[in-house]
C-alpha atoms as a PDB file:
ATOM      1  CA  MET A   1       0.000   0.000   0.000  1.00  0.00           C
ATOM      2  CA  GLN A   2       1.373   3.390  -0.971  1.00  0.00           C
ATOM      3  CA  ARG A   3       1.939   5.892   1.831  1.00  0.00           C
ATOM      4  CA  TYR A   4       1.179   9.523   1.063  1.00  0.00           C
ATOM      5  CA  THR A   5       3.391  12.174   2.573  1.00  0.00           C
ATOM      6  CA  SER A   6       1.475  15.274   1.501  1.00  0.00           C
ATOM      7  CA  PHE A   7      -2.111  16.335   0.971  1.00  0.00           C
ATOM      8  CA  ALA A   8      -1.287  17.122  -2.672  1.00  0.00           C
ATOM      9  CA  GLU A   9      -0.290  13.465  -3.204  1.00  0.00           C
ATOM     10  CA  PHE A  10      -3.268  12.200  -1.221  1.00  0.00           C
ATOM     11  CA  TRP A  11      -5.921  14.259  -3.064  1.00  0.00           C
ATOM     12  CA  PRO A  12      -5.926  12.267  -6.372  1.00  0.00           C
ATOM     13  CA  TYR A  13      -5.986   9.039  -4.362  1.00  0.00           C
ATOM     14  CA  TYR A  14      -8.955  10.350  -2.369  1.00  0.00           C
ATOM     15  CA  LEU A  15     -10.828  11.155  -5.568  1.00  0.00           C
ATOM     16  CA  SER A  16     -10.042   7.715  -6.972  1.00  0.00           C
ATOM     17  CA  GLU A  17     -11.643   6.184  -3.882  1.00  0.00           C
ATOM     18  CA  HIS A  18     -14.834   8.116  -4.757  1.00  0.00           C
ATOM     19  CA  ARG A  19     -15.206   7.050  -8.399  1.00  0.00           C
ATOM     20  CA  ARG A  20     -18.920   6.388  -8.359  1.00  0.00           C
ATOM     21  CA  PRO A  21     -21.250   9.401  -8.478  1.00  0.00           C
ATOM     22  CA  LEU A  22     -23.556   7.782  -5.912  1.00  0.00           C
ATOM     23  CA  THR A  23     -20.675   7.472  -3.448  1.00  0.00           C
ATOM     24  CA  ARG A  24     -19.957  11.159  -3.856  1.00  0.00           C
ATOM     25  CA  ALA A  25     -23.679  11.981  -3.510  1.00  0.00           C
ATOM     26  CA  TRP A  26     -23.806  10.183  -0.164  1.00  0.00           C
ATOM     27  CA  HIS A  27     -20.729  12.134   0.935  1.00  0.00           C
ATOM     28  CA  TYR A  28     -22.354  15.414  -0.098  1.00  0.00           C
ATOM     29  CA  ALA A  29     -25.443  14.512   1.922  1.00  0.00           C
ATOM     30  CA  GLY A  30     -23.385  13.682   4.993  1.00  0.00           C
ATOM     31  CA  THR A  31     -21.157  16.737   4.733  1.00  0.00           C
ATOM     32  CA  SER A  32     -24.152  18.995   4.148  1.00  0.00           C
ATOM     33  CA  LEU A  33     -25.822  17.538   7.231  1.00  0.00           C
ATOM     34  CA  VAL A  34     -22.655  18.144   9.248  1.00  0.00           C
ATOM     35  CA  VAL A  35     -22.615  21.798   8.187  1.00  0.00           C
ATOM     36  CA  LEU A  36     -26.323  22.175   8.993  1.00  0.00           C
ATOM     37  CA  LEU A  37     -25.824  20.575  12.409  1.00  0.00           C
ATOM     38  CA  ALA A  38     -22.930  22.939  13.147  1.00  0.00           C
ATOM     39  CA  LEU A  39     -25.012  25.958  12.167  1.00  0.00           C
ATOM     40  CA  ALA A  40     -27.972  24.726  14.202  1.00  0.00           C
ATOM     41  CA  ALA A  41     -25.726  24.138  17.215  1.00  0.00           C
ATOM     42  CA  LEU A  42     -24.288  27.629  16.953  1.00  0.00           C
ATOM     43  CA  LEU A  43     -27.687  29.268  16.479  1.00  0.00           C
ATOM     44  CA  THR A  44     -29.506  27.342  19.206  1.00  0.00           C
ATOM     45  CA  GLY A  45     -26.694  26.786  21.674  1.00  0.00           C
ATOM     46  CA  ASN A  46     -27.535  23.079  21.735  1.00  0.00           C
ATOM     47  CA  VAL A  47     -24.116  21.469  22.164  1.00  0.00           C
ATOM     48  CA  LEU A  48     -25.538  17.973  21.634  1.00  0.00           C
ATOM     49  CA  LEU A  49     -25.821  18.863  17.966  1.00  0.00           C
ATOM     50  CA  PHE A  50     -22.021  19.131  17.849  1.00  0.00           C
ATOM     51  CA  ALA A  51     -21.826  15.543  19.109  1.00  0.00           C
ATOM     52  CA  ALA A  52     -24.095  14.418  16.267  1.00  0.00           C
ATOM     53  CA  MET A  53     -21.796  15.886  13.607  1.00  0.00           C
ATOM     54  CA  PRO A  54     -19.275  13.019  13.374  1.00  0.00           C
ATOM     55  CA  LEU A  55     -22.066  10.452  13.444  1.00  0.00           C
ATOM     56  CA  ALA A  56     -23.869  12.144  10.568  1.00  0.00           C
ATOM     57  CA  GLY A  57     -20.769  12.604   8.451  1.00  0.00           C
ATOM     58  CA  TYR A  58     -19.266   9.192   8.983  1.00  0.00           C
ATOM     59  CA  PHE A  59     -22.564   7.321   8.642  1.00  0.00           C
ATOM     60  CA  PHE A  60     -23.127   8.539   5.087  1.00  0.00           C
ATOM     61  CA  ALA A  61     -19.475   8.218   4.086  1.00  0.00           C
ATOM     62  CA  TRP A  62     -18.868   4.755   5.480  1.00  0.00           C
ATOM     63  CA  ILE A  63     -22.127   3.305   4.188  1.00  0.00           C
ATOM     64  CA  SER A  64     -21.279   4.580   0.712  1.00  0.00           C
ATOM     65  CA  HIS A  65     -17.809   3.054   0.795  1.00  0.00           C
ATOM     66  CA  TRP A  66     -18.952  -0.327   2.042  1.00  0.00           C
ATOM     67  CA  ARG A  67     -22.150  -0.661  -0.008  1.00  0.00           C
ATOM     68  CA  ILE A  68     -21.498   1.339  -3.185  1.00  0.00           C
ATOM     69  CA  GLU A  69     -17.776   1.779  -3.733  1.00  0.00           C
ATOM     70  CA  ARG A  70     -16.808  -1.505  -2.047  1.00  0.00           C
ATOM     71  CA  ASN A  71     -13.599  -0.119  -0.595  1.00  0.00           C
ATOM     72  CA  ARG A  72     -12.163   0.816   2.779  1.00  0.00           C
ATOM     73  CA  PRO A  73     -12.707   4.448   3.810  1.00  0.00           C
ATOM     74  CA  ALA A  74      -9.498   6.492   3.660  1.00  0.00           C
ATOM     75  CA  THR A  75     -10.441   7.868   7.088  1.00  0.00           C
ATOM     76  CA  PHE A  76      -8.961   4.789   8.727  1.00  0.00           C
ATOM     77  CA  THR A  77      -5.482   5.492   7.350  1.00  0.00           C
ATOM     78  CA  TYR A  78      -5.523   9.262   6.793  1.00  0.00           C
ATOM     79  CA  PRO A  79      -8.109  10.718   9.194  1.00  0.00           C
ATOM     80  CA  LEU A  80      -7.216  14.428   8.968  1.00  0.00           C
ATOM     81  CA  TRP A  81      -6.454  14.498   5.262  1.00  0.00           C
ATOM     82  CA  SER A  82      -9.625  12.541   4.630  1.00  0.00           C
ATOM     83  CA  LEU A  83     -11.683  15.089   6.543  1.00  0.00           C
ATOM     84  CA  ALA A  84     -10.041  17.970   4.693  1.00  0.00           C
ATOM     85  CA  ALA A  85     -10.488  16.207   1.342  1.00  0.00           C
ATOM     86  CA  ASP A  86     -14.151  15.558   2.054  1.00  0.00           C
ATOM     87  CA  PHE A  87     -14.792  19.255   2.619  1.00  0.00           C
ATOM     88  CA  LYS A  88     -12.677  20.139  -0.419  1.00  0.00           C
ATOM     89  CA  MET A  89     -14.655  17.713  -2.608  1.00  0.00           C
ATOM     90  CA  TRP A  90     -17.942  19.060  -1.202  1.00  0.00           C
ATOM     91  CA  ALA A  91     -16.909  22.689  -1.806  1.00  0.00           C
ATOM     92  CA  MET A  92     -15.727  21.919  -5.336  1.00  0.00           C
ATOM     93  CA  TRP A  93     -19.022  20.148  -6.039  1.00  0.00           C
ATOM     94  CA  LEU A  94     -21.017  23.104  -4.679  1.00  0.00           C
ATOM     95  CA  THR A  95     -19.085  25.536  -6.852  1.00  0.00           C
ATOM     96  CA  GLY A  96     -19.189  23.374  -9.974  1.00  0.00           C
ATOM     97  CA  ARG A  97     -15.428  22.806 -10.078  1.00  0.00           C
ATOM     98  CA  LEU A  98     -15.322  19.095  -9.240  1.00  0.00           C
ATOM     99  CA  GLY A  99     -15.795  17.723 -12.760  1.00  0.00           C
ATOM    100  CA  PRO A 100     -12.487  19.050 -14.139  1.00  0.00           C
ATOM    101  CA  GLU A 101     -10.733  17.969 -10.936  1.00  0.00           C
ATOM    102  CA  LEU A 102     -12.028  14.415 -11.357  1.00  0.00           C
ATOM    103  CA  LYS A 103     -10.801  14.403 -14.961  1.00  0.00           C
ATOM    104  CA  ARG A 104      -7.365  15.657 -13.863  1.00  0.00           C
ATOM    105  CA  ALA A 105      -7.189  12.817 -11.341  1.00  0.00           C
ATOM    106  CA  GLY A 106      -8.232  10.284 -13.989  1.00  0.00           C
ATOM    107  CA  VAL A 107     -11.473   9.477 -12.205  1.00  0.00           C
ATOM    108  CA  ASP A 108     -14.134  10.775 -14.551  1.00  0.00           C
END
């Protein structure tokens, strides 16, 4: 197994682990829910919503990897880079910039 020593090296690998559009869609749902939970927690002062954030994010991501992509989530090996890459992929999807990035990584 290749070991990545920088986020720049890890990023194409991360995208390759999210080849299927449905896998990415489940990630977008989970990440969006995490953001909504964070906003709700901040607006209401309900700190329990912060505790729900990892559950919401990981539930959608892990289910998609095990049931759709049929691979092991990168979170287990690269937890911080995986988290950063998830938000990067989500932001690029929201702004319409993910397609060219997937092509560059040889995924799409």
